[in-house]
Amino acid sequence: MKAIIQRVMQASVTVDGEVINSIGKGLCVLVGITRKDKAGEMDYLAKKIVNIRLWDDEVNGKKWDKSVKDLGYEILCISQFTLALEMKGNKPDFHDAMNPEYSEPFYNDFLDLMRSMYKPEKVKGGVFGGYMQIHIQNDGPITIPLDTPSSLQDPNFLLKQERKQEAARKRDQRSKNNSESKNSDKKSSTVTSQEPPSEIQETSDSLKNVSLSQEET
């Protein structure tokens, strides 16, 4: 997958003079879907768009420190098959673009994935395959071209990633269990140390009885 990510003050998509969707501050993303794209690329790109840090932190002055998600801004994502091109002389060739029969559900799934990673109402789209006018007020200007890594096209890549994630989850669980076990041992040790041994308790009781007898005498 290929994407052009633009930081915007506002953006909108119009079809036949009618505004279909619009956003205020946030990101306008043009996304190109190729024939080789798989779910792994969709996941990679969605996470990048939601988490890419293109704004400064106005509180501490850090540059490039806040994402659209951090600031509660919006995303307008438009399917753009012309990004999946090869040049043949001076003529663009789009044979590498995914067939519309498959790319439309792929695009819709991509929008749904971003919505699941963020707030559904903050992620908007265009009209797939439609003739649109995109109105963009680029803020900066800041424009980031982004391609998914070629390694994601390896059918074994997702399996490897899943194994790594599973191993990481198991490590976290073991660490959590060990931590809980140590805390439990500490509590048990504390309770034991606070309880006097039975012999000491008996001696203490005897001394109290002797003291009381002397007072009565």
N, C-alpha and C. Protein backbone atom coordinates (compact mmCIF):
# COMPACT_ATOMS: atom_id res chain seq x y z
N MET A 1 0.83 -1.19 0.00
CA MET A 1 0.00 0.00 0.00
C MET A 1 0.87 1.25 0.00
N LYS A 2 0.32 2.29 -0.59
CA LYS A 2 1.01 3.57 -0.64
C LYS A 2 0.07 4.65 -0.12
N ALA A 3 0.65 5.64 0.54
CA ALA A 3 -0.19 6.70 1.08
C ALA A 3 0.53 8.04 1.00
N ILE A 4 -0.26 9.08 0.79
CA ILE A 4 0.20 10.46 0.93
C ILE A 4 -0.56 11.04 2.12
N ILE A 5 0.17 11.35 3.19
CA ILE A 5 -0.43 11.86 4.42
C ILE A 5 -0.17 13.36 4.51
N GLN A 6 -1.25 14.13 4.61
CA GLN A 6 -1.10 15.57 4.68
C GLN A 6 -1.74 16.12 5.96
N ARG A 7 -0.97 16.93 6.67
CA ARG A 7 -1.52 17.62 7.84
C ARG A 7 -2.33 18.81 7.33
N VAL A 8 -3.58 18.91 7.77
CA VAL A 8 -4.46 19.93 7.21
C VAL A 8 -5.14 20.76 8.30
N MET A 9 -5.51 21.98 7.91
CA MET A 9 -6.38 22.80 8.75
C MET A 9 -7.83 22.41 8.53
N GLN A 10 -8.12 22.00 7.27
CA GLN A 10 -9.44 21.49 6.92
C GLN A 10 -9.34 20.79 5.57
N ALA A 11 -10.28 19.90 5.31
CA ALA A 11 -10.32 19.19 4.03
C ALA A 11 -11.74 18.69 3.78
N SER A 12 -12.09 18.55 2.51
CA SER A 12 -13.42 18.05 2.18
C SER A 12 -13.38 17.33 0.84
N VAL A 13 -14.36 16.47 0.63
CA VAL A 13 -14.50 15.76 -0.64
C VAL A 13 -15.87 16.07 -1.20
N THR A 14 -15.89 16.47 -2.49
CA THR A 14 -17.12 16.90 -3.15
C THR A 14 -17.39 16.04 -4.38
N VAL A 15 -18.63 15.66 -4.58
CA VAL A 15 -19.06 14.92 -5.76
C VAL A 15 -20.27 15.63 -6.36
N ASP A 16 -20.16 16.00 -7.64
CA ASP A 16 -21.26 16.71 -8.33
C ASP A 16 -21.73 17.94 -7.56
N GLY A 17 -20.78 18.66 -7.00
CA GLY A 17 -21.09 19.88 -6.30
C GLY A 17 -21.60 19.70 -4.89
N GLU A 18 -21.73 18.45 -4.43
CA GLU A 18 -22.22 18.17 -3.08
C GLU A 18 -21.08 17.71 -2.19
N VAL A 19 -20.96 18.31 -1.02
CA VAL A 19 -19.92 17.92 -0.07
C VAL A 19 -20.34 16.59 0.57
N ILE A 20 -19.52 15.56 0.34
CA ILE A 20 -19.82 14.23 0.86
C ILE A 20 -19.31 14.08 2.29
N ASN A 21 -18.10 14.56 2.53
CA ASN A 21 -17.50 14.49 3.86
C ASN A 21 -16.53 15.65 4.03
N SER A 22 -16.35 16.09 5.25
CA SER A 22 -15.40 17.17 5.52
C SER A 22 -14.85 17.01 6.92
N ILE A 23 -13.65 17.55 7.14
CA ILE A 23 -13.03 17.54 8.45
C ILE A 23 -12.41 18.90 8.74
N GLY A 24 -12.15 19.14 10.02
CA GLY A 24 -11.40 20.32 10.42
C GLY A 24 -9.93 19.94 10.52
N LYS A 25 -9.28 20.30 11.62
CA LYS A 25 -7.87 19.96 11.80
C LYS A 25 -7.68 18.45 11.82
N GLY A 26 -6.62 18.01 11.16
CA GLY A 26 -6.34 16.58 11.16
C GLY A 26 -5.49 16.16 9.99
N LEU A 27 -5.82 15.00 9.43
CA LEU A 27 -5.05 14.43 8.33
C LEU A 27 -5.96 14.15 7.14
N CYS A 28 -5.49 14.51 5.96
CA CYS A 28 -6.12 14.06 4.72
C CYS A 28 -5.17 13.04 4.11
N VAL A 29 -5.67 11.82 3.92
CA VAL A 29 -4.83 10.72 3.46
C VAL A 29 -5.32 10.21 2.11
N LEU A 30 -4.43 10.19 1.14
CA LEU A 30 -4.71 9.54 -0.14
C LEU A 30 -4.04 8.18 -0.10
N VAL A 31 -4.81 7.11 -0.30
CA VAL A 31 -4.26 5.77 -0.15
C VAL A 31 -4.42 4.98 -1.44
N GLY A 32 -3.32 4.35 -1.89
CA GLY A 32 -3.32 3.53 -3.09
C GLY A 32 -3.17 2.06 -2.72
N ILE A 33 -4.04 1.24 -3.27
CA ILE A 33 -4.05 -0.19 -2.96
C ILE A 33 -3.55 -0.97 -4.18
N THR A 34 -2.52 -1.79 -3.98
CA THR A 34 -1.93 -2.53 -5.09
C THR A 34 -2.39 -3.99 -5.10
N ARG A 35 -2.12 -4.68 -6.20
CA ARG A 35 -2.55 -6.06 -6.36
C ARG A 35 -1.92 -6.99 -5.32
N LYS A 36 -0.75 -6.63 -4.80
CA LYS A 36 -0.02 -7.51 -3.89
C LYS A 36 -0.37 -7.28 -2.42
N ASP A 37 -1.19 -6.29 -2.15
CA ASP A 37 -1.45 -5.92 -0.75
C ASP A 37 -2.23 -6.98 0.00
N LYS A 38 -1.82 -7.17 1.27
CA LYS A 38 -2.46 -8.15 2.16
C LYS A 38 -2.91 -7.44 3.45
N ALA A 39 -3.50 -8.21 4.34
CA ALA A 39 -4.00 -7.65 5.60
C ALA A 39 -2.88 -7.03 6.43
N GLY A 40 -1.67 -7.59 6.34
CA GLY A 40 -0.55 -7.06 7.12
C GLY A 40 -0.23 -5.63 6.75
N GLU A 41 -0.31 -5.31 5.45
CA GLU A 41 -0.05 -3.94 5.01
C GLU A 41 -1.13 -2.99 5.48
N MET A 42 -2.37 -3.48 5.46
CA MET A 42 -3.49 -2.68 5.94
C MET A 42 -3.28 -2.31 7.41
N ASP A 43 -2.91 -3.28 8.22
CA ASP A 43 -2.71 -3.06 9.65
C ASP A 43 -1.55 -2.10 9.89
N TYR A 44 -0.44 -2.29 9.16
CA TYR A 44 0.74 -1.43 9.30
C TYR A 44 0.40 0.03 9.00
N LEU A 45 -0.28 0.25 7.87
CA LEU A 45 -0.55 1.62 7.44
C LEU A 45 -1.58 2.29 8.33
N ALA A 46 -2.59 1.55 8.76
CA ALA A 46 -3.60 2.12 9.65
C ALA A 46 -2.96 2.61 10.95
N LYS A 47 -2.08 1.80 11.53
CA LYS A 47 -1.41 2.19 12.78
C LYS A 47 -0.54 3.42 12.57
N LYS A 48 0.16 3.49 11.42
CA LYS A 48 1.01 4.65 11.14
C LYS A 48 0.19 5.92 11.04
N ILE A 49 -0.93 5.86 10.32
CA ILE A 49 -1.75 7.05 10.12
C ILE A 49 -2.29 7.56 11.46
N VAL A 50 -2.79 6.66 12.27
CA VAL A 50 -3.40 7.06 13.54
C VAL A 50 -2.35 7.58 14.53
N ASN A 51 -1.12 7.06 14.43
CA ASN A 51 -0.11 7.37 15.46
C ASN A 51 1.04 8.26 14.98
N ILE A 52 1.09 8.59 13.70
CA ILE A 52 2.21 9.42 13.21
C ILE A 52 2.17 10.79 13.88
N ARG A 53 3.31 11.25 14.36
CA ARG A 53 3.38 12.47 15.17
C ARG A 53 3.78 13.65 14.29
N LEU A 54 2.80 14.44 13.90
CA LEU A 54 3.03 15.56 12.98
C LEU A 54 2.75 16.92 13.61
N TRP A 55 2.41 16.92 14.92
CA TRP A 55 2.13 18.18 15.60
C TRP A 55 3.09 18.37 16.77
N ASP A 56 3.34 19.63 17.10
CA ASP A 56 4.18 19.95 18.26
C ASP A 56 3.37 19.88 19.54
N ASP A 57 4.04 19.60 20.62
CA ASP A 57 3.41 19.64 21.94
C ASP A 57 3.50 21.08 22.44
N GLU A 58 2.37 21.75 22.49
CA GLU A 58 2.37 23.17 22.87
C GLU A 58 2.64 23.38 24.36
N VAL A 59 2.49 22.31 25.16
CA VAL A 59 2.71 22.43 26.60
C VAL A 59 4.20 22.45 26.93
N ASN A 60 4.94 21.42 26.42
CA ASN A 60 6.37 21.35 26.75
C ASN A 60 7.28 21.80 25.62
N GLY A 61 6.68 22.19 24.49
CA GLY A 61 7.47 22.73 23.38
C GLY A 61 8.17 21.70 22.52
N LYS A 62 7.89 20.42 22.72
CA LYS A 62 8.53 19.38 21.92
C LYS A 62 8.01 19.39 20.49
N LYS A 63 8.94 19.27 19.52
CA LYS A 63 8.57 19.26 18.11
C LYS A 63 8.19 17.84 17.69
N TRP A 64 7.24 17.75 16.75
CA TRP A 64 6.84 16.47 16.17
C TRP A 64 6.54 15.43 17.27
N ASP A 65 5.66 15.81 18.18
CA ASP A 65 5.46 14.98 19.37
C ASP A 65 4.03 14.47 19.54
N LYS A 66 3.05 15.02 18.78
CA LYS A 66 1.66 14.64 18.98
C LYS A 66 1.04 14.11 17.68
N SER A 67 0.18 13.10 17.86
CA SER A 67 -0.51 12.49 16.72
C SER A 67 -1.94 13.00 16.64
N VAL A 68 -2.62 12.65 15.55
CA VAL A 68 -4.02 13.00 15.40
C VAL A 68 -4.85 12.39 16.53
N LYS A 69 -4.44 11.21 16.96
CA LYS A 69 -5.12 10.52 18.05
C LYS A 69 -4.91 11.24 19.37
N ASP A 70 -3.69 11.71 19.61
CA ASP A 70 -3.39 12.44 20.85
C ASP A 70 -4.24 13.69 21.00
N LEU A 71 -4.46 14.37 19.86
CA LEU A 71 -5.11 15.67 19.90
C LEU A 71 -6.61 15.61 19.59
N GLY A 72 -7.11 14.44 19.28
CA GLY A 72 -8.54 14.31 19.01
C GLY A 72 -8.96 14.91 17.67
N TYR A 73 -8.03 14.99 16.72
CA TYR A 73 -8.35 15.54 15.41
C TYR A 73 -9.00 14.48 14.51
N GLU A 74 -9.29 14.86 13.26
CA GLU A 74 -10.03 13.99 12.35
C GLU A 74 -9.15 13.47 11.21
N ILE A 75 -9.65 12.43 10.54
CA ILE A 75 -8.96 11.83 9.40
C ILE A 75 -9.94 11.72 8.23
N LEU A 76 -9.53 12.22 7.07
CA LEU A 76 -10.28 12.03 5.83
C LEU A 76 -9.42 11.18 4.92
N CYS A 77 -9.89 9.97 4.62
CA CYS A 77 -9.09 9.00 3.86
C CYS A 77 -9.77 8.71 2.52
N ILE A 78 -9.05 9.00 1.43
CA ILE A 78 -9.60 8.87 0.08
C ILE A 78 -8.84 7.78 -0.67
N SER A 79 -9.57 6.87 -1.29
CA SER A 79 -8.93 5.86 -2.14
C SER A 79 -8.40 6.53 -3.41
N GLN A 80 -7.12 6.25 -3.73
CA GLN A 80 -6.44 6.94 -4.83
C GLN A 80 -5.62 5.94 -5.64
N PHE A 81 -6.26 5.31 -6.65
CA PHE A 81 -5.58 4.25 -7.39
C PHE A 81 -4.38 4.76 -8.18
N THR A 82 -4.32 6.08 -8.46
CA THR A 82 -3.21 6.59 -9.27
C THR A 82 -1.87 6.53 -8.53
N LEU A 83 -1.91 6.25 -7.21
CA LEU A 83 -0.65 6.09 -6.47
C LEU A 83 0.04 4.77 -6.84
N ALA A 84 -0.74 3.82 -7.33
CA ALA A 84 -0.17 2.51 -7.69
C ALA A 84 0.18 2.52 -9.17
N LEU A 85 1.14 3.34 -9.53
CA LEU A 85 1.47 3.52 -10.94
C LEU A 85 2.91 3.18 -11.25
N GLU A 86 3.14 2.88 -12.50
CA GLU A 86 4.47 2.79 -13.08
C GLU A 86 4.46 3.65 -14.33
N MET A 87 5.57 4.33 -14.58
CA MET A 87 5.65 5.18 -15.76
C MET A 87 6.19 4.39 -16.95
N LYS A 88 5.50 4.48 -18.06
CA LYS A 88 5.98 3.91 -19.32
C LYS A 88 6.20 5.07 -20.27
N GLY A 89 7.45 5.55 -20.26
CA GLY A 89 7.75 6.77 -20.98
C GLY A 89 7.09 7.92 -20.23
N ASN A 90 6.25 8.66 -20.93
CA ASN A 90 5.53 9.77 -20.30
C ASN A 90 4.10 9.40 -19.92
N LYS A 91 3.76 8.12 -20.09
CA LYS A 91 2.39 7.70 -19.81
C LYS A 91 2.34 6.88 -18.52
N PRO A 92 1.45 7.26 -17.58
CA PRO A 92 1.32 6.46 -16.36
C PRO A 92 0.57 5.15 -16.63
N ASP A 93 1.05 4.09 -16.00
CA ASP A 93 0.43 2.77 -16.14
C ASP A 93 -0.07 2.33 -14.78
N PHE A 94 -1.32 1.88 -14.71
CA PHE A 94 -1.94 1.56 -13.43
C PHE A 94 -2.26 0.07 -13.27
N HIS A 95 -1.53 -0.78 -14.00
CA HIS A 95 -1.82 -2.21 -13.93
C HIS A 95 -1.50 -2.81 -12.56
N ASP A 96 -0.70 -2.10 -11.78
CA ASP A 96 -0.34 -2.62 -10.46
C ASP A 96 -1.43 -2.35 -9.42
N ALA A 97 -2.42 -1.53 -9.77
CA ALA A 97 -3.51 -1.24 -8.84
C ALA A 97 -4.41 -2.47 -8.69
N MET A 98 -4.94 -2.66 -7.49
CA MET A 98 -5.84 -3.79 -7.25
C MET A 98 -7.13 -3.61 -8.02
N ASN A 99 -7.66 -4.71 -8.54
CA ASN A 99 -8.93 -4.70 -9.25
C ASN A 99 -10.02 -4.12 -8.36
N PRO A 100 -10.87 -3.21 -8.90
CA PRO A 100 -11.92 -2.59 -8.08
C PRO A 100 -12.83 -3.58 -7.36
N GLU A 101 -13.02 -4.76 -7.94
CA GLU A 101 -13.86 -5.77 -7.30
C GLU A 101 -13.34 -6.15 -5.93
N TYR A 102 -11.99 -6.12 -5.78
CA TYR A 102 -11.37 -6.49 -4.51
C TYR A 102 -10.93 -5.27 -3.71
N SER A 103 -10.56 -4.19 -4.41
CA SER A 103 -10.02 -3.03 -3.71
C SER A 103 -11.11 -2.25 -2.96
N GLU A 104 -12.36 -2.28 -3.41
CA GLU A 104 -13.41 -1.56 -2.68
C GLU A 104 -13.64 -2.16 -1.30
N PRO A 105 -13.86 -3.50 -1.17
CA PRO A 105 -13.99 -4.04 0.19
C PRO A 105 -12.71 -3.88 1.00
N PHE A 106 -11.54 -3.93 0.33
CA PHE A 106 -10.26 -3.73 1.01
C PHE A 106 -10.21 -2.32 1.61
N TYR A 107 -10.61 -1.33 0.82
CA TYR A 107 -10.63 0.07 1.28
C TYR A 107 -11.61 0.24 2.44
N ASN A 108 -12.80 -0.34 2.33
CA ASN A 108 -13.79 -0.22 3.41
C ASN A 108 -13.29 -0.89 4.69
N ASP A 109 -12.62 -2.04 4.54
CA ASP A 109 -12.05 -2.71 5.72
C ASP A 109 -10.95 -1.85 6.34
N PHE A 110 -10.21 -1.15 5.48
CA PHE A 110 -9.13 -0.27 5.95
C PHE A 110 -9.71 0.87 6.80
N LEU A 111 -10.81 1.47 6.33
CA LEU A 111 -11.47 2.52 7.10
C LEU A 111 -11.97 1.98 8.44
N ASP A 112 -12.59 0.80 8.40
CA ASP A 112 -13.11 0.20 9.64
C ASP A 112 -11.99 -0.10 10.62
N LEU A 113 -10.83 -0.51 10.08
CA LEU A 113 -9.69 -0.82 10.95
C LEU A 113 -9.20 0.44 11.65
N MET A 114 -9.09 1.55 10.91
CA MET A 114 -8.68 2.81 11.54
C MET A 114 -9.69 3.27 12.58
N ARG A 115 -10.97 3.07 12.28
CA ARG A 115 -12.01 3.45 13.24
C ARG A 115 -11.90 2.64 14.53
N SER A 116 -11.54 1.36 14.38
CA SER A 116 -11.38 0.52 15.57
C SER A 116 -10.17 0.92 16.39
N MET A 117 -9.18 1.55 15.75
CA MET A 117 -7.97 1.99 16.45
C MET A 117 -8.14 3.38 17.07
N TYR A 118 -9.18 4.08 16.62
CA TYR A 118 -9.39 5.46 17.07
C TYR A 118 -10.86 5.61 17.45
N LYS A 119 -11.46 6.74 17.10
CA LYS A 119 -12.89 6.97 17.34
C LYS A 119 -13.60 6.88 15.99
N PRO A 120 -14.61 6.02 15.86
CA PRO A 120 -15.27 5.82 14.56
C PRO A 120 -15.74 7.11 13.89
N GLU A 121 -16.28 8.03 14.68
CA GLU A 121 -16.82 9.27 14.10
C GLU A 121 -15.73 10.22 13.61
N LYS A 122 -14.48 9.95 13.98
CA LYS A 122 -13.37 10.83 13.57
C LYS A 122 -12.74 10.42 12.24
N VAL A 123 -13.10 9.24 11.73
CA VAL A 123 -12.50 8.72 10.49
C VAL A 123 -13.54 8.73 9.39
N LYS A 124 -13.29 9.49 8.33
CA LYS A 124 -14.26 9.65 7.24
C LYS A 124 -13.62 9.26 5.91
N GLY A 125 -14.47 8.93 4.94
CA GLY A 125 -13.97 8.50 3.64
C GLY A 125 -14.60 9.28 2.49
N GLY A 126 -14.21 8.86 1.29
CA GLY A 126 -14.77 9.47 0.10
C GLY A 126 -15.75 8.52 -0.58
N VAL A 127 -15.91 8.66 -1.89
CA VAL A 127 -16.77 7.79 -2.67
C VAL A 127 -15.87 6.90 -3.52
N PHE A 128 -15.83 5.61 -3.21
CA PHE A 128 -14.92 4.71 -3.92
C PHE A 128 -15.25 4.71 -5.41
N GLY A 129 -14.21 4.93 -6.22
CA GLY A 129 -14.36 4.90 -7.67
C GLY A 129 -15.08 6.10 -8.25
N GLY A 130 -15.46 7.04 -7.40
CA GLY A 130 -16.21 8.20 -7.89
C GLY A 130 -15.29 9.31 -8.39
N TYR A 131 -15.86 10.20 -9.21
CA TYR A 131 -15.12 11.38 -9.67
C TYR A 131 -15.30 12.45 -8.61
N MET A 132 -14.22 12.76 -7.90
CA MET A 132 -14.31 13.63 -6.73
C MET A 132 -13.41 14.85 -6.88
N GLN A 133 -13.77 15.89 -6.17
CA GLN A 133 -12.87 17.03 -5.99
C GLN A 133 -12.49 17.07 -4.51
N ILE A 134 -11.19 17.06 -4.27
CA ILE A 134 -10.68 17.06 -2.90
C ILE A 134 -10.14 18.46 -2.60
N HIS A 135 -10.71 19.09 -1.60
CA HIS A 135 -10.29 20.43 -1.21
C HIS A 135 -9.45 20.30 0.07
N ILE A 136 -8.18 20.68 -0.04
CA ILE A 136 -7.23 20.48 1.06
C ILE A 136 -6.57 21.81 1.41
N GLN A 137 -6.65 22.17 2.67
CA GLN A 137 -5.88 23.31 3.17
C GLN A 137 -4.72 22.74 3.97
N ASN A 138 -3.61 22.52 3.28
CA ASN A 138 -2.45 21.89 3.89
C ASN A 138 -1.85 22.81 4.94
N ASP A 139 -1.53 22.26 6.09
CA ASP A 139 -1.02 23.02 7.22
C ASP A 139 0.48 22.80 7.33
N GLY A 140 1.28 23.81 6.93
CA GLY A 140 2.73 23.67 7.03
C GLY A 140 3.51 24.33 5.90
N PRO A 141 3.48 23.76 4.68
CA PRO A 141 2.82 22.50 4.30
C PRO A 141 3.59 21.28 4.82
N ILE A 142 2.83 20.29 5.27
CA ILE A 142 3.43 19.03 5.72
C ILE A 142 2.78 17.90 4.95
N THR A 143 3.59 17.20 4.16
CA THR A 143 3.14 16.09 3.33
C THR A 143 4.12 14.94 3.48
N ILE A 144 3.61 13.77 3.89
CA ILE A 144 4.45 12.61 4.16
C ILE A 144 4.08 11.46 3.22
N PRO A 145 4.98 11.07 2.29
CA PRO A 145 4.72 9.87 1.49
C PRO A 145 5.11 8.63 2.29
N LEU A 146 4.29 7.60 2.23
CA LEU A 146 4.56 6.42 3.03
C LEU A 146 4.19 5.16 2.26
N ASP A 147 5.13 4.22 2.19
CA ASP A 147 4.88 2.91 1.58
C ASP A 147 5.01 1.85 2.67
N THR A 148 4.21 0.79 2.56
CA THR A 148 4.36 -0.31 3.50
C THR A 148 5.61 -1.12 3.13
N PRO A 149 6.31 -1.70 4.11
CA PRO A 149 7.53 -2.47 3.84
C PRO A 149 7.25 -3.68 2.94
N SER A 150 8.18 -3.97 2.07
CA SER A 150 8.02 -5.12 1.17
C SER A 150 7.95 -6.43 1.94
N SER A 151 8.53 -6.47 3.14
CA SER A 151 8.52 -7.70 3.94
C SER A 151 7.10 -8.14 4.28
N LEU A 152 6.17 -7.19 4.29
CA LEU A 152 4.79 -7.53 4.64
C LEU A 152 4.11 -8.36 3.55
N GLN A 153 4.70 -8.37 2.35
CA GLN A 153 4.14 -9.18 1.28
C GLN A 153 4.57 -10.64 1.37
N ASP A 154 5.49 -10.92 2.28
CA ASP A 154 5.92 -12.30 2.53
C ASP A 154 4.79 -13.03 3.27
N PRO A 155 4.25 -14.09 2.71
CA PRO A 155 3.13 -14.80 3.37
C PRO A 155 3.49 -15.33 4.75
N ASN A 156 4.79 -15.52 5.01
CA ASN A 156 5.21 -16.03 6.32
C ASN A 156 5.39 -14.91 7.34
N PHE A 157 5.35 -13.66 6.88
CA PHE A 157 5.63 -12.54 7.77
C PHE A 157 4.60 -12.43 8.90
N LEU A 158 3.32 -12.51 8.53
CA LEU A 158 2.28 -12.39 9.54
C LEU A 158 2.37 -13.50 10.57
N LEU A 159 2.69 -14.72 10.10
CA LEU A 159 2.84 -15.85 11.02
C LEU A 159 3.98 -15.58 12.00
N LYS A 160 5.09 -15.05 11.49
CA LYS A 160 6.22 -14.73 12.34
C LYS A 160 5.85 -13.66 13.36
N GLN A 161 5.10 -12.64 12.90
CA GLN A 161 4.70 -11.56 13.80
C GLN A 161 3.76 -12.08 14.89
N GLU A 162 2.84 -12.96 14.48
CA GLU A 162 1.90 -13.53 15.45
C GLU A 162 2.64 -14.35 16.51
N ARG A 163 3.66 -15.10 16.08
CA ARG A 163 4.45 -15.90 17.02
C ARG A 163 5.21 -15.00 17.99
N LYS A 164 5.75 -13.90 17.47
CA LYS A 164 6.46 -12.96 18.33
C LYS A 164 5.52 -12.33 19.35
N GLN A 165 4.34 -11.94 18.89
CA GLN A 165 3.37 -11.33 19.79
C GLN A 165 2.91 -12.31 20.86
N GLU A 166 2.70 -13.57 20.46
CA GLU A 166 2.29 -14.59 21.41
C GLU A 166 3.37 -14.84 22.45
N ALA A 167 4.63 -14.88 21.99
CA ALA A 167 5.75 -15.07 22.92
C ALA A 167 5.85 -13.89 23.89
N ALA A 168 5.62 -12.68 23.38
CA ALA A 168 5.67 -11.49 24.23
C ALA A 168 4.55 -11.53 25.27
N ARG A 169 3.35 -11.97 24.85
CA ARG A 169 2.24 -12.08 25.79
C ARG A 169 2.54 -13.09 26.89
N LYS A 170 3.16 -14.21 26.52
CA LYS A 170 3.50 -15.24 27.51
C LYS A 170 4.55 -14.71 28.49
N ARG A 171 5.54 -13.94 27.98
CA ARG A 171 6.55 -13.35 28.86
C ARG A 171 5.91 -12.38 29.85
N ASP A 172 4.99 -11.56 29.33
CA ASP A 172 4.30 -10.60 30.20
C ASP A 172 3.49 -11.31 31.27
N GLN A 173 2.84 -12.42 30.88
CA GLN A 173 2.02 -13.16 31.84
C GLN A 173 2.88 -13.80 32.91
N ARG A 174 4.04 -14.37 32.47
CA ARG A 174 4.96 -14.98 33.45
C ARG A 174 5.48 -13.93 34.42
N SER A 175 5.83 -12.77 33.88
CA SER A 175 6.33 -11.68 34.72
C SER A 175 5.26 -11.24 35.71
N LYS A 176 4.01 -11.16 35.24
CA LYS A 176 2.91 -10.77 36.11
C LYS A 176 2.69 -11.80 37.21
N ASN A 177 2.73 -13.09 36.82
CA ASN A 177 2.54 -14.16 37.80
C ASN A 177 3.64 -14.17 38.85
N ASN A 178 4.90 -13.96 38.39
CA ASN A 178 6.03 -13.92 39.33
C ASN A 178 5.89 -12.75 40.31
N SER A 179 5.44 -11.61 39.77
CA SER A 179 5.27 -10.43 40.61
C SER A 179 4.19 -10.66 41.65
N GLU A 180 3.08 -11.29 41.23
CA GLU A 180 2.00 -11.58 42.17
C GLU A 180 2.44 -12.58 43.22
N SER A 181 3.25 -13.56 42.79
CA SER A 181 3.75 -14.57 43.72
C SER A 181 4.66 -13.95 44.78
N LYS A 182 5.54 -13.03 44.35
CA LYS A 182 6.45 -12.35 45.28
C LYS A 182 5.67 -11.50 46.27
N ASN A 183 4.65 -10.80 45.77
CA ASN A 183 3.84 -9.97 46.65
C ASN A 183 3.10 -10.82 47.68
N SER A 184 2.64 -11.99 47.21
CA SER A 184 1.95 -12.91 48.11
C SER A 184 2.88 -13.43 49.20
N ASP A 185 4.14 -13.76 48.80
CA ASP A 185 5.13 -14.24 49.78
C ASP A 185 5.46 -13.16 50.81
N LYS A 186 5.56 -11.90 50.34
CA LYS A 186 5.87 -10.80 51.25
C LYS A 186 4.76 -10.62 52.28
N LYS A 187 3.51 -10.69 51.81
CA LYS A 187 2.38 -10.54 52.71
C LYS A 187 2.35 -11.66 53.74
N SER A 188 2.64 -12.88 53.28
CA SER A 188 2.65 -14.03 54.18
C SER A 188 3.74 -13.89 55.23
N SER A 189 4.92 -13.40 54.79
CA SER A 189 6.04 -13.21 55.70
C SER A 189 5.72 -12.14 56.74
N THR A 190 5.04 -11.07 56.30
CA THR A 190 4.68 -9.98 57.21
C THR A 190 3.70 -10.45 58.26
N VAL A 191 2.71 -11.21 57.83
CA VAL A 191 1.72 -11.72 58.77
C VAL A 191 2.36 -12.64 59.79
N THR A 192 3.27 -13.50 59.33
CA THR A 192 3.95 -14.45 60.22
C THR A 192 4.79 -13.74 61.26
N SER A 193 5.51 -12.67 60.81
CA SER A 193 6.39 -11.95 61.73
C SER A 193 5.61 -11.19 62.79
N GLN A 194 4.34 -10.85 62.45
CA GLN A 194 3.54 -10.09 63.40
C GLN A 194 2.88 -10.98 64.45
N GLU A 195 2.82 -12.28 64.20
CA GLU A 195 2.20 -13.21 65.14
C GLU A 195 3.26 -13.77 66.09
N PRO A 196 3.18 -13.56 67.41
CA PRO A 196 4.20 -14.05 68.33
C PRO A 196 4.15 -15.57 68.44
N PRO A 197 5.30 -16.23 68.57
CA PRO A 197 5.33 -17.67 68.74
C PRO A 197 4.53 -18.06 69.97
N SER A 198 3.97 -19.25 69.99
CA SER A 198 3.09 -19.69 71.09
C SER A 198 3.83 -19.72 72.43
N GLU A 199 5.12 -20.11 72.47
CA GLU A 199 5.88 -20.19 73.72
C GLU A 199 6.07 -18.81 74.32
N ILE A 200 6.39 -17.82 73.45
CA ILE A 200 6.59 -16.45 73.92
C ILE A 200 5.27 -15.90 74.45
N GLN A 201 4.19 -16.23 73.75
CA GLN A 201 2.88 -15.75 74.18
C GLN A 201 2.52 -16.33 75.55
N GLU A 202 2.80 -17.63 75.75
CA GLU A 202 2.51 -18.28 77.03
C GLU A 202 3.32 -17.65 78.16
N THR A 203 4.63 -17.36 77.92
CA THR A 203 5.51 -16.74 78.92
C THR A 203 4.98 -15.37 79.29
N SER A 204 4.54 -14.63 78.26
CA SER A 204 4.01 -13.29 78.49
C SER A 204 2.77 -13.35 79.36
N ASP A 205 1.89 -14.32 79.09
CA ASP A 205 0.67 -14.47 79.89
C ASP A 205 0.99 -14.83 81.35
N SER A 206 2.02 -15.68 81.55
CA SER A 206 2.42 -16.09 82.91
C SER A 206 2.91 -14.90 83.71
N LEU A 207 3.76 -14.05 83.05
CA LEU A 207 4.29 -12.88 83.72
C LEU A 207 3.17 -11.93 84.13
N LYS A 208 2.16 -11.81 83.26
CA LYS A 208 1.02 -10.95 83.58
C LYS A 208 0.28 -11.47 84.81
N ASN A 209 0.11 -12.80 84.90
CA ASN A 209 -0.59 -13.40 86.03
C ASN A 209 0.17 -13.18 87.34
N VAL A 210 1.54 -13.32 87.28
CA VAL A 210 2.37 -13.10 88.46
C VAL A 210 2.24 -11.67 88.93
N SER A 211 2.26 -10.75 87.98
CA SER A 211 2.17 -9.34 88.31
C SER A 211 0.85 -9.02 88.97
N LEU A 212 -0.22 -9.61 88.45
CA LEU A 212 -1.56 -9.39 89.03
C LEU A 212 -1.63 -9.95 90.47
N SER A 213 -1.02 -11.11 90.68
CA SER A 213 -1.03 -11.75 92.02
C SER A 213 -0.34 -10.87 93.02
N GLN A 214 0.81 -10.29 92.63
CA GLN A 214 1.57 -9.42 93.51
C GLN A 214 0.78 -8.18 93.89
N GLU A 215 0.09 -7.65 92.90
CA GLU A 215 -0.73 -6.43 93.17
C GLU A 215 -1.84 -6.74 94.15
N GLU A 216 -2.45 -7.91 94.01
CA GLU A 216 -3.55 -8.27 94.92
C GLU A 216 -3.04 -8.46 96.34
N THR A 217 -1.79 -9.00 96.45
CA THR A 217 -1.16 -9.22 97.74
C THR A 217 -0.85 -7.87 98.39
